[in-house]
Amino acid sequence: MSAGDDVPAESAEPRSRSSVIAIFTSHWLAMVGLGLVLTSIVLWSCLLTMRLRQGDDNPYIGLASMLVGGVLVLGAVLAPIGLFLGRRRMREKLVAIDRKAAWGRLIAFLLVASLINVVIVSQTAVRAVHAMETKTFCGSCHVMTPESRAISQGAHAGILCVDCHVGEGTMGYIESKVQGTHQLIAVMTDSVEKPIKGAIEAGKMVPSAETCEGCHWTDQPAKAKFKMVRRYGEDELNTPETTVLTMYVGGSRMGGIHGAHHGEGVQIQFIATDSKRQDIPWVEYTNSTTGETRTYVRKGADAAAFASLPRITMQCFDCHNRPAHSFEMPDRAVDQAFLLGRLSMSLPFLKKTSVEILEADYASSAVAAAEIPARLAAYYAEDYPDIASTRTADIDEAGRVLADIYSRNVFPEFGVTWGTYPDNRGHQHFPGCFRCHDGEHVDAAGQEITRNCFRCHYPSATDDSNPEVLQILGLDRSLSNLEKK
């Protein structure tokens, strides 16, 4: 008998029995152990992302991390035990293992492990996408603090950021993520501009047809809107003055403000010389229904100089440019606090003093939070010591209210102060409507863009201390109940 006859049949495939794959697949404990290790690593990666986003405030993340750690340890224990048992089985020749069978078991293991981890990652990805659509996520970056706080003051505080900042369809989603990636890089490299540019100024505004018009019907019939503006004087009594207006809001079919700018067949284009669109020297009105076209140029301007500048088609946000992130001006913010009963009208010169304190310069938000109440208290202690001693609670509360107003509108660390972000609604603190309706824009025939106030609103009372219209409407009692005497 030759030497080859002494070799057992089982050793015909020595490489298969000695290979790592054969050892690994020879016992189920080894595969289960490695599967647990791989799954725990995937789970830990998902939990790490959540922990970095939410910190240690969520106790469930910590509990889940402990469980995942236990799964990892269990897998790390089972895997070597399985390898030991598999190797011993092969040595004792309890099971004949060939290369084909080993590869088959390996492929089956990989398919099962991959399926489990795909389910884990997909579910985590869905939750991650949902989390990235929340205001908490969008405002978690410190440079977005001003925008995050300002949204609570706007009319759209209850909607998701993505409803306005992400366009329609897949491309809108991709573009938003690319933009977000650029912002992330800017944050990581500390190259963020301060103050942060608004979406219009940065050229990132999503068309209103894909955002605003998803909720606001452009064909809405004409309507009149009642508007009451309550202001308080800078005199000793903080005397209230009321303006009552009927606003002709209208719609595309029935005229009014919206109808004049977005009526049937109406298109308005303009040229702005600045990125914030505050300087508009050229306007063109076109009505495809009537065939009318009128071009207006600011008096003294050279129309030829604007030929190379881009024409901008007017959209909702050219007037409603701060629909969600609304920043107040100091006098209006104080007026609102008086109206809601947050400030006492009987504290002498509170309106005047409050505005002066708010408009002062402070080195940081923390300094302002401490100095604003202190300055108000010092004013009454020096000028009205009797009031300071008898009405300490009202003065302290007023100081807290002023500090709150400042904290929602001014952010020295981010270069945001009063008026940093102009609001184009109206024409009180910013040009707004008067960017075009200023009496300076004329067409070739010398006709001006209208500046007739009554085309947009009709005043029932103007800066009246006791307008009769409030009594007729029954609002005088409501105001008396709201305001803190």
Protein backbone atom coordinates (compact mmCIF):
# COMPACT_ATOMS: atom_id res chain seq x y z
CA MET A 1 0.00 0.00 0.00
CA SER A 2 1.40 3.40 -0.96
CA ALA A 3 1.75 6.34 1.31
CA GLY A 4 -1.37 7.87 -0.12
CA ASP A 5 -3.40 4.81 0.95
CA ASP A 6 -2.78 5.64 4.63
CA VAL A 7 -4.48 9.04 4.33
CA PRO A 8 -8.09 9.01 5.60
CA ALA A 9 -10.80 9.97 3.15
CA GLU A 10 -11.77 12.92 5.32
CA SER A 11 -8.41 14.64 4.64
CA ALA A 12 -9.09 14.93 0.93
CA GLU A 13 -9.94 18.60 1.48
CA PRO A 14 -7.53 19.74 4.18
CA ARG A 15 -7.82 23.39 3.21
CA SER A 16 -11.58 23.35 3.62
CA ARG A 17 -11.43 21.90 7.13
CA SER A 18 -8.67 24.27 8.22
CA SER A 19 -9.96 27.45 6.59
CA VAL A 20 -11.43 30.26 8.67
CA ILE A 21 -14.71 30.07 6.78
CA ALA A 22 -15.05 26.37 7.54
CA ILE A 23 -14.30 26.94 11.22
CA PHE A 24 -16.65 29.90 11.46
CA THR A 25 -19.56 28.13 9.76
CA SER A 26 -19.07 24.82 11.51
CA HIS A 27 -21.01 25.85 14.62
CA TRP A 28 -24.15 27.97 15.00
CA LEU A 29 -22.87 29.75 18.12
CA ALA A 30 -20.05 31.37 16.14
CA MET A 31 -22.46 32.74 13.55
CA VAL A 32 -24.94 33.95 16.18
CA GLY A 33 -22.12 35.63 18.14
CA LEU A 34 -20.71 37.45 15.14
CA GLY A 35 -24.22 38.42 14.04
CA LEU A 36 -24.89 39.98 17.44
CA VAL A 37 -21.59 41.88 17.29
CA LEU A 38 -22.36 43.30 13.82
CA THR A 39 -25.93 44.23 14.79
CA SER A 40 -24.82 45.92 18.03
CA ILE A 41 -22.24 47.97 16.11
CA VAL A 42 -24.94 49.18 13.71
CA LEU A 43 -27.29 49.98 16.59
CA TRP A 44 -24.54 51.75 18.51
CA SER A 45 -23.76 53.93 15.45
CA CYS A 46 -27.42 54.94 15.23
CA LEU A 47 -27.61 55.70 18.96
CA LEU A 48 -24.38 57.71 18.80
CA THR A 49 -25.92 59.99 16.18
CA MET A 50 -29.00 60.46 18.34
CA ARG A 51 -26.89 61.16 21.44
CA LEU A 52 -24.79 63.75 19.62
CA ARG A 53 -28.01 65.44 18.50
CA GLN A 54 -29.98 65.29 21.76
CA GLY A 55 -27.22 65.07 24.35
CA ASP A 56 -27.88 63.24 27.61
CA ASP A 57 -31.33 64.75 28.14
CA ASN A 58 -33.15 61.68 26.81
CA PRO A 59 -32.94 58.81 29.34
CA TYR A 60 -34.18 56.27 26.79
CA ILE A 61 -31.08 56.77 24.66
CA GLY A 62 -28.89 55.91 27.66
CA LEU A 63 -30.97 52.82 28.45
CA ALA A 64 -30.85 51.67 24.84
CA SER A 65 -27.08 52.20 24.78
CA MET A 66 -26.70 49.94 27.82
CA LEU A 67 -28.80 47.22 26.15
CA VAL A 68 -26.78 47.47 22.95
CA GLY A 69 -23.59 47.22 25.00
CA GLY A 70 -24.95 44.03 26.58
CA VAL A 71 -25.71 42.58 23.15
CA LEU A 72 -22.16 43.41 22.04
CA VAL A 73 -20.65 41.66 25.06
CA LEU A 74 -22.91 38.64 24.56
CA GLY A 75 -21.89 38.38 20.91
CA ALA A 76 -18.21 38.80 21.78
CA VAL A 77 -18.54 35.89 24.27
CA LEU A 78 -20.56 33.57 22.03
CA ALA A 79 -18.39 34.02 18.92
CA PRO A 80 -15.11 32.57 20.34
CA ILE A 81 -17.03 29.79 22.10
CA GLY A 82 -18.62 28.87 18.80
CA LEU A 83 -15.25 28.98 17.03
CA PHE A 84 -13.74 26.72 19.70
CA LEU A 85 -16.58 24.22 19.45
CA GLY A 86 -16.48 24.29 15.67
CA ARG A 87 -12.73 23.67 15.59
CA ARG A 88 -13.04 20.82 18.09
CA ARG A 89 -15.83 19.28 16.06
CA MET A 90 -13.67 19.34 12.97
CA ARG A 91 -10.71 17.84 14.82
CA GLU A 92 -12.85 15.04 16.17
CA LYS A 93 -14.26 14.56 12.68
CA LEU A 94 -17.79 14.57 14.00
CA VAL A 95 -19.01 16.34 10.88
CA ALA A 96 -17.53 16.23 7.41
CA ILE A 97 -17.33 19.80 6.09
CA ASP A 98 -16.52 20.71 2.54
CA ARG A 99 -15.82 24.07 0.94
CA LYS A 100 -19.17 24.29 -0.87
CA ALA A 101 -21.17 23.73 2.30
CA ALA A 102 -19.06 26.27 4.22
CA TRP A 103 -19.62 28.95 1.59
CA GLY A 104 -23.33 28.19 1.49
CA ARG A 105 -23.69 28.69 5.23
CA LEU A 106 -21.59 31.88 5.07
CA ILE A 107 -23.80 33.35 2.34
CA ALA A 108 -26.95 32.44 4.28
CA PHE A 109 -25.51 34.08 7.41
CA LEU A 110 -24.59 37.25 5.53
CA LEU A 111 -28.05 37.47 3.96
CA VAL A 112 -29.82 37.10 7.31
CA ALA A 113 -27.47 39.54 9.10
CA SER A 114 -27.77 42.04 6.26
CA LEU A 115 -31.57 41.83 6.27
CA ILE A 116 -31.72 42.48 10.02
CA ASN A 117 -29.35 45.45 9.79
CA VAL A 118 -31.14 46.87 6.74
CA VAL A 119 -34.37 46.90 8.76
CA ILE A 120 -32.60 48.59 11.68
CA VAL A 121 -30.88 51.22 9.54
CA SER A 122 -33.97 51.93 7.42
CA GLN A 123 -36.14 52.50 10.47
CA THR A 124 -33.47 54.68 12.01
CA ALA A 125 -33.13 56.61 8.74
CA VAL A 126 -36.88 57.26 8.64
CA ARG A 127 -36.78 58.58 12.19
CA ALA A 128 -33.67 60.61 11.40
CA VAL A 129 -35.36 62.24 8.39
CA HIS A 130 -38.40 63.01 10.52
CA ALA A 131 -36.16 64.47 13.23
CA MET A 132 -34.35 66.63 10.68
CA GLU A 133 -37.68 68.17 9.71
CA THR A 134 -38.43 69.47 13.20
CA LYS A 135 -37.82 72.98 14.48
CA THR A 136 -35.74 71.50 17.29
CA PHE A 137 -33.26 70.07 14.80
CA CYS A 138 -33.14 73.19 12.62
CA GLY A 139 -32.61 75.41 15.65
CA SER A 140 -30.08 73.14 17.37
CA CYS A 141 -27.14 74.78 15.59
CA HIS A 142 -26.07 77.74 17.73
CA VAL A 143 -25.70 80.12 14.77
CA MET A 144 -29.43 79.67 14.08
CA THR A 145 -30.41 80.91 17.53
CA PRO A 146 -31.87 84.24 16.29
CA GLU A 147 -34.03 82.56 13.64
CA SER A 148 -35.06 79.82 16.06
CA ARG A 149 -36.29 82.30 18.67
CA ALA A 150 -37.90 84.63 16.17
CA ILE A 151 -40.13 81.94 14.70
CA SER A 152 -42.19 81.88 17.90
CA GLN A 153 -43.28 85.46 17.15
CA GLY A 154 -44.51 84.78 13.62
CA ALA A 155 -47.83 83.59 12.27
CA HIS A 156 -46.29 80.30 11.12
CA ALA A 157 -44.87 79.16 14.44
CA GLY A 158 -46.85 75.91 14.31
CA ILE A 159 -45.59 74.56 10.97
CA LEU A 160 -42.42 72.67 10.08
CA CYS A 161 -39.38 74.50 8.74
CA VAL A 162 -39.29 72.20 5.69
CA ASP A 163 -42.77 73.35 4.65
CA CYS A 164 -41.22 76.65 3.55
CA HIS A 165 -37.54 75.88 3.09
CA VAL A 166 -37.76 72.71 0.98
CA GLY A 167 -39.16 72.78 -2.54
CA GLU A 168 -41.43 70.25 -4.13
CA GLY A 169 -40.33 66.77 -5.23
CA THR A 170 -37.05 64.92 -5.11
CA MET A 171 -35.01 67.79 -6.54
CA GLY A 172 -36.31 70.16 -3.89
CA TYR A 173 -35.27 67.69 -1.19
CA ILE A 174 -31.82 67.16 -2.73
CA GLU A 175 -31.22 70.89 -3.14
CA SER A 176 -32.14 71.50 0.48
CA LYS A 177 -29.71 68.83 1.68
CA VAL A 178 -26.91 70.20 -0.50
CA GLN A 179 -27.59 73.64 0.93
CA GLY A 180 -27.63 72.17 4.43
CA THR A 181 -24.29 70.47 3.78
CA HIS A 182 -22.75 73.80 2.80
CA GLN A 183 -24.12 75.35 5.98
CA LEU A 184 -22.72 72.48 8.05
CA ILE A 185 -19.27 72.97 6.51
CA ALA A 186 -19.47 76.70 7.25
CA VAL A 187 -20.32 75.97 10.88
CA MET A 188 -17.53 73.39 11.24
CA THR A 189 -14.97 75.75 9.69
CA ASP A 190 -16.28 78.76 11.68
CA SER A 191 -16.88 80.67 8.45
CA VAL A 192 -20.54 81.54 8.99
CA GLU A 193 -21.42 85.12 8.11
CA LYS A 194 -22.80 87.17 10.97
CA PRO A 195 -25.54 88.14 10.79
CA ILE A 196 -26.80 85.20 8.77
CA LYS A 197 -28.28 86.24 5.47
CA GLY A 198 -32.00 85.86 5.00
CA ALA A 199 -33.20 83.42 2.34
CA ILE A 200 -33.98 86.19 -0.16
CA GLU A 201 -30.64 87.90 0.36
CA ALA A 202 -28.81 84.57 0.02
CA GLY A 203 -30.76 83.64 -3.12
CA LYS A 204 -32.12 80.49 -1.43
CA MET A 205 -35.80 81.36 -1.27
CA VAL A 206 -38.05 78.56 -2.50
CA PRO A 207 -40.68 79.86 -5.00
CA SER A 208 -43.93 80.78 -3.31
CA ALA A 209 -45.83 78.54 -5.73
CA GLU A 210 -44.17 75.59 -3.99
CA THR A 211 -44.57 76.90 -0.44
CA CYS A 212 -46.99 79.75 0.35
CA GLU A 213 -49.56 78.74 -2.24
CA GLY A 214 -49.75 75.24 -0.83
CA CYS A 215 -51.91 76.69 1.97
CA HIS A 216 -52.91 80.17 0.77
CA TRP A 217 -55.38 80.13 -2.12
CA THR A 218 -54.48 82.81 -4.65
CA ASP A 219 -58.00 82.84 -6.12
CA GLN A 220 -59.55 83.64 -2.76
CA PRO A 221 -62.52 86.02 -3.14
CA ALA A 222 -62.16 89.59 -1.97
CA LYS A 223 -62.23 90.22 1.74
CA ALA A 224 -61.79 93.17 4.03
CA LYS A 225 -59.66 92.77 7.12
CA PHE A 226 -60.11 94.77 10.29
CA LYS A 227 -56.80 95.98 11.73
CA MET A 228 -56.31 97.79 15.01
CA VAL A 229 -52.97 99.36 15.87
CA ARG A 230 -52.55 100.34 19.53
CA ARG A 231 -49.62 102.55 20.39
CA TYR A 232 -48.60 104.14 23.68
CA GLY A 233 -47.18 107.61 24.06
CA GLU A 234 -43.81 108.50 25.53
CA ASP A 235 -45.45 110.83 28.01
CA GLU A 236 -45.73 110.31 31.75
CA LEU A 237 -49.09 108.53 31.46
CA ASN A 238 -48.08 106.25 28.58
CA THR A 239 -51.23 107.51 26.85
CA PRO A 240 -52.72 104.96 24.45
CA GLU A 241 -53.50 105.99 20.88
CA THR A 242 -55.47 103.81 18.51
CA THR A 243 -55.57 103.56 14.73
CA VAL A 244 -58.32 101.46 13.17
CA LEU A 245 -58.06 100.43 9.52
CA THR A 246 -60.13 98.44 7.08
CA MET A 247 -57.59 96.63 4.92
CA TYR A 248 -58.66 95.78 1.38
CA VAL A 249 -56.77 92.49 1.21
CA GLY A 250 -58.82 91.06 -1.65
CA GLY A 251 -57.79 88.26 -3.99
CA SER A 252 -56.83 87.56 -7.56
CA ARG A 253 -60.46 87.69 -8.77
CA MET A 254 -61.85 90.59 -6.79
CA GLY A 255 -59.11 93.18 -6.56
CA GLY A 256 -57.78 94.65 -3.36
CA ILE A 257 -54.08 94.52 -2.43
CA HIS A 258 -53.60 90.93 -3.55
CA GLY A 259 -55.69 91.37 -6.67
CA ALA A 260 -53.70 94.41 -7.78
CA HIS A 261 -50.44 92.50 -7.55
CA HIS A 262 -51.49 88.92 -8.36
CA GLY A 263 -54.84 89.29 -10.10
CA GLU A 264 -55.93 87.32 -13.12
CA GLY A 265 -53.42 87.90 -15.92
CA VAL A 266 -51.32 90.26 -13.77
CA GLN A 267 -47.56 89.92 -13.62
CA ILE A 268 -45.22 92.40 -11.99
CA GLN A 269 -41.49 92.34 -12.57
CA PHE A 270 -38.92 94.59 -10.94
CA ILE A 271 -35.21 95.23 -10.68
CA ALA A 272 -33.52 95.52 -7.30
CA THR A 273 -30.06 97.01 -6.89
CA ASP A 274 -29.41 95.27 -3.57
CA SER A 275 -29.65 91.65 -2.44
CA LYS A 276 -32.29 92.44 0.21
CA ARG A 277 -34.52 93.96 -2.49
CA GLN A 278 -34.97 97.22 -0.63
CA ASP A 279 -33.95 99.51 -3.50
CA ILE A 280 -36.25 99.05 -6.51
CA PRO A 281 -35.70 101.66 -9.24
CA TRP A 282 -37.52 99.82 -12.09
CA VAL A 283 -40.98 98.19 -12.19
CA GLU A 284 -42.97 96.68 -15.05
CA TYR A 285 -46.70 95.89 -14.84
CA THR A 286 -48.18 93.49 -17.38
CA ASN A 287 -51.79 92.35 -17.68
CA SER A 288 -52.21 89.58 -20.24
CA THR A 289 -56.01 89.79 -19.92
CA THR A 290 -56.21 93.42 -21.00
CA GLY A 291 -52.99 93.48 -23.01
CA GLU A 292 -51.72 96.37 -20.93
CA THR A 293 -48.02 96.92 -20.18
CA ARG A 294 -46.55 99.80 -18.21
CA THR A 295 -42.91 100.35 -17.27
CA TYR A 296 -42.03 102.63 -14.38
CA VAL A 297 -38.59 104.08 -13.68
CA ARG A 298 -37.56 106.11 -10.67
CA LYS A 299 -37.27 109.80 -11.44
CA GLY A 300 -33.73 110.78 -12.34
CA ALA A 301 -32.61 107.20 -12.94
CA ASP A 302 -31.15 106.04 -16.26
CA ALA A 303 -33.30 103.17 -17.56
CA ALA A 304 -30.47 101.99 -19.83
CA ALA A 305 -28.30 101.35 -16.77
CA PHE A 306 -30.71 98.63 -15.64
CA ALA A 307 -30.65 96.66 -18.89
CA SER A 308 -28.01 94.22 -17.65
CA LEU A 309 -29.63 93.63 -14.25
CA PRO A 310 -31.87 90.58 -13.74
CA ARG A 311 -35.63 91.03 -13.73
CA ILE A 312 -37.39 89.56 -10.73
CA THR A 313 -40.95 88.31 -10.99
CA MET A 314 -42.89 89.45 -7.95
CA GLN A 315 -43.93 86.67 -5.56
CA CYS A 316 -45.71 86.52 -2.20
CA PHE A 317 -42.50 86.81 -0.21
CA ASP A 318 -41.44 90.06 -1.85
CA CYS A 319 -43.88 91.74 0.55
CA HIS A 320 -44.32 88.99 3.15
CA ASN A 321 -40.57 88.51 3.48
CA ARG A 322 -40.61 87.64 7.20
CA PRO A 323 -43.65 85.36 7.43
CA ALA A 324 -42.14 83.03 10.01
CA HIS A 325 -38.96 84.55 11.46
CA SER A 326 -40.46 87.83 12.58
CA PHE A 327 -38.27 90.32 14.44
CA GLU A 328 -39.90 93.22 16.26
CA MET A 329 -38.79 96.80 16.59
CA PRO A 330 -38.38 98.11 20.17
CA ASP A 331 -41.28 100.56 20.23
CA ARG A 332 -43.72 98.09 18.66
CA ALA A 333 -42.58 95.31 20.99
CA VAL A 334 -43.18 97.51 24.03
CA ASP A 335 -46.59 98.56 22.66
CA GLN A 336 -47.54 94.90 22.31
CA ALA A 337 -46.45 94.21 25.89
CA PHE A 338 -48.64 97.08 27.12
CA LEU A 339 -51.59 95.82 25.09
CA LEU A 340 -51.29 92.29 26.50
CA GLY A 341 -51.08 93.54 30.07
CA ARG A 342 -47.44 92.55 30.55
CA LEU A 343 -46.44 96.14 31.43
CA SER A 344 -48.25 98.46 33.78
CA MET A 345 -49.53 101.66 32.16
CA SER A 346 -49.47 103.52 35.48
CA LEU A 347 -45.67 103.38 35.82
CA PRO A 348 -44.65 106.89 34.71
CA PHE A 349 -42.70 107.20 31.46
CA LEU A 350 -42.45 103.42 31.17
CA LYS A 351 -42.83 103.45 27.37
CA LYS A 352 -40.13 106.08 26.84
CA THR A 353 -37.72 104.55 29.34
CA SER A 354 -38.27 101.02 28.06
CA VAL A 355 -37.43 101.94 24.47
CA GLU A 356 -34.30 103.81 25.56
CA ILE A 357 -33.11 100.84 27.62
CA LEU A 358 -33.80 98.37 24.82
CA GLU A 359 -31.96 100.49 22.25
CA ALA A 360 -28.82 100.75 24.40
CA ASP A 361 -25.72 98.77 23.45
CA TYR A 362 -24.90 95.60 25.40
CA ALA A 363 -21.77 93.51 25.03
CA SER A 364 -23.63 90.19 24.98
CA SER A 365 -27.01 88.59 25.55
CA ALA A 366 -25.97 87.59 29.06
CA VAL A 367 -24.95 91.15 29.90
CA ALA A 368 -28.26 92.47 28.53
CA ALA A 369 -30.26 89.96 30.57
CA ALA A 370 -28.65 91.30 33.75
CA GLU A 371 -28.40 95.01 32.93
CA ILE A 372 -31.84 95.67 31.43
CA PRO A 373 -33.84 94.96 34.64
CA ALA A 374 -31.17 96.72 36.69
CA ARG A 375 -31.33 99.86 34.53
CA LEU A 376 -35.10 100.04 34.78
CA ALA A 377 -34.99 99.61 38.56
CA ALA A 378 -32.26 102.27 38.82
CA TYR A 379 -34.35 104.73 36.79
CA TYR A 380 -37.33 104.53 39.17
CA ALA A 381 -35.10 104.47 42.26
CA GLU A 382 -33.49 107.73 41.15
CA ASP A 383 -36.43 109.63 39.59
CA TYR A 384 -39.41 108.11 41.43
CA PRO A 385 -38.16 106.75 44.79
CA ASP A 386 -41.68 106.52 46.24
CA ILE A 387 -42.86 104.38 43.34
CA ALA A 388 -39.68 102.32 43.50
CA SER A 389 -40.36 101.46 47.14
CA THR A 390 -44.10 100.76 46.82
CA ARG A 391 -44.26 99.07 43.43
CA THR A 392 -41.19 96.88 43.42
CA ALA A 393 -43.09 93.88 42.02
CA ASP A 394 -44.42 95.81 39.00
CA ILE A 395 -40.97 97.27 38.24
CA ASP A 396 -39.27 93.88 38.57
CA GLU A 397 -41.86 92.29 36.29
CA ALA A 398 -41.40 95.08 33.75
CA GLY A 399 -37.64 94.47 33.84
CA ARG A 400 -38.16 90.78 33.10
CA VAL A 401 -40.50 91.60 30.22
CA LEU A 402 -38.00 94.00 28.66
CA ALA A 403 -35.21 91.44 29.02
CA ASP A 404 -37.44 88.89 27.29
CA ILE A 405 -38.20 91.30 24.44
CA TYR A 406 -34.49 91.94 23.94
CA SER A 407 -33.62 88.22 24.05
CA ARG A 408 -36.04 87.48 21.19
CA ASN A 409 -34.91 90.28 18.89
CA VAL A 410 -31.29 91.24 19.52
CA PHE A 411 -28.29 88.90 19.51
CA PRO A 412 -24.97 90.77 19.83
CA GLU A 413 -22.96 87.55 19.42
CA PHE A 414 -24.48 87.00 15.98
CA GLY A 415 -24.50 90.58 14.72
CA VAL A 416 -28.30 90.86 14.95
CA THR A 417 -29.70 94.11 16.26
CA TRP A 418 -32.90 96.14 15.86
CA GLY A 419 -33.75 96.40 12.15
CA THR A 420 -31.13 93.95 10.89
CA TYR A 421 -33.84 92.09 9.01
CA PRO A 422 -36.27 94.51 7.32
CA ASP A 423 -39.95 93.60 7.20
CA ASN A 424 -41.66 94.70 3.99
CA ARG A 425 -45.22 94.51 5.28
CA GLY A 426 -46.54 98.02 5.64
CA HIS A 427 -44.33 101.09 5.68
CA GLN A 428 -43.72 102.17 9.29
CA HIS A 429 -40.15 101.22 10.15
CA PHE A 430 -38.97 100.09 6.71
CA PRO A 431 -39.75 101.30 3.16
CA GLY A 432 -41.98 98.28 2.53
CA CYS A 433 -44.77 99.39 0.18
CA PHE A 434 -42.97 102.66 -0.46
CA ARG A 435 -40.19 100.85 -2.30
CA CYS A 436 -42.49 101.22 -5.30
CA HIS A 437 -45.43 103.35 -4.12
CA ASP A 438 -43.35 106.41 -3.28
CA GLY A 439 -44.51 108.84 -5.96
CA GLU A 440 -41.08 108.67 -7.57
CA HIS A 441 -41.72 105.87 -10.08
CA VAL A 442 -43.22 107.13 -13.36
CA ASP A 443 -43.86 105.66 -16.81
CA ALA A 444 -43.09 107.20 -20.19
CA ALA A 445 -46.29 109.27 -20.02
CA GLY A 446 -45.41 110.66 -16.60
CA GLN A 447 -48.00 108.57 -14.74
CA GLU A 448 -46.94 107.54 -11.23
CA ILE A 449 -47.40 104.23 -9.48
CA THR A 450 -50.32 105.05 -7.23
CA ARG A 451 -49.66 106.19 -3.69
CA ASN A 452 -53.30 106.74 -2.84
CA CYS A 453 -53.63 105.38 0.71
CA PHE A 454 -57.32 104.61 0.23
CA ARG A 455 -56.55 102.09 -2.52
CA CYS A 456 -55.24 99.72 0.17
CA HIS A 457 -56.91 100.70 3.43
CA TYR A 458 -59.46 103.04 4.92
CA PRO A 459 -58.88 104.53 8.39
CA SER A 460 -61.83 104.70 10.79
CA ALA A 461 -59.60 106.31 13.42
CA THR A 462 -56.05 107.63 13.32
CA ASP A 463 -53.95 107.99 16.48
CA ASP A 464 -57.11 108.64 18.49
CA SER A 465 -56.93 108.37 22.29
CA ASN A 466 -60.59 107.33 22.55
CA PRO A 467 -62.02 106.42 19.13
CA GLU A 468 -65.77 105.93 18.98
CA VAL A 469 -65.36 102.97 16.63
CA LEU A 470 -63.95 100.90 19.50
CA GLN A 471 -67.14 101.48 21.50
CA ILE A 472 -69.29 100.58 18.49
CA LEU A 473 -67.39 97.34 18.03
CA GLY A 474 -67.32 96.60 21.75
CA LEU A 475 -63.53 96.50 21.82
CA ASP A 476 -63.15 99.22 24.43
CA ARG A 477 -64.13 96.79 27.19
CA SER A 478 -61.81 94.10 25.88
CA LEU A 479 -58.89 96.51 25.81
CA SER A 480 -59.70 97.71 29.32
CA ASN A 481 -59.61 94.11 30.56
CA LEU A 482 -56.35 93.33 28.78
CA GLU A 483 -54.29 96.35 29.71
CA LYS A 484 -52.64 96.42 33.12
CA LYS A 485 -53.38 99.61 34.99
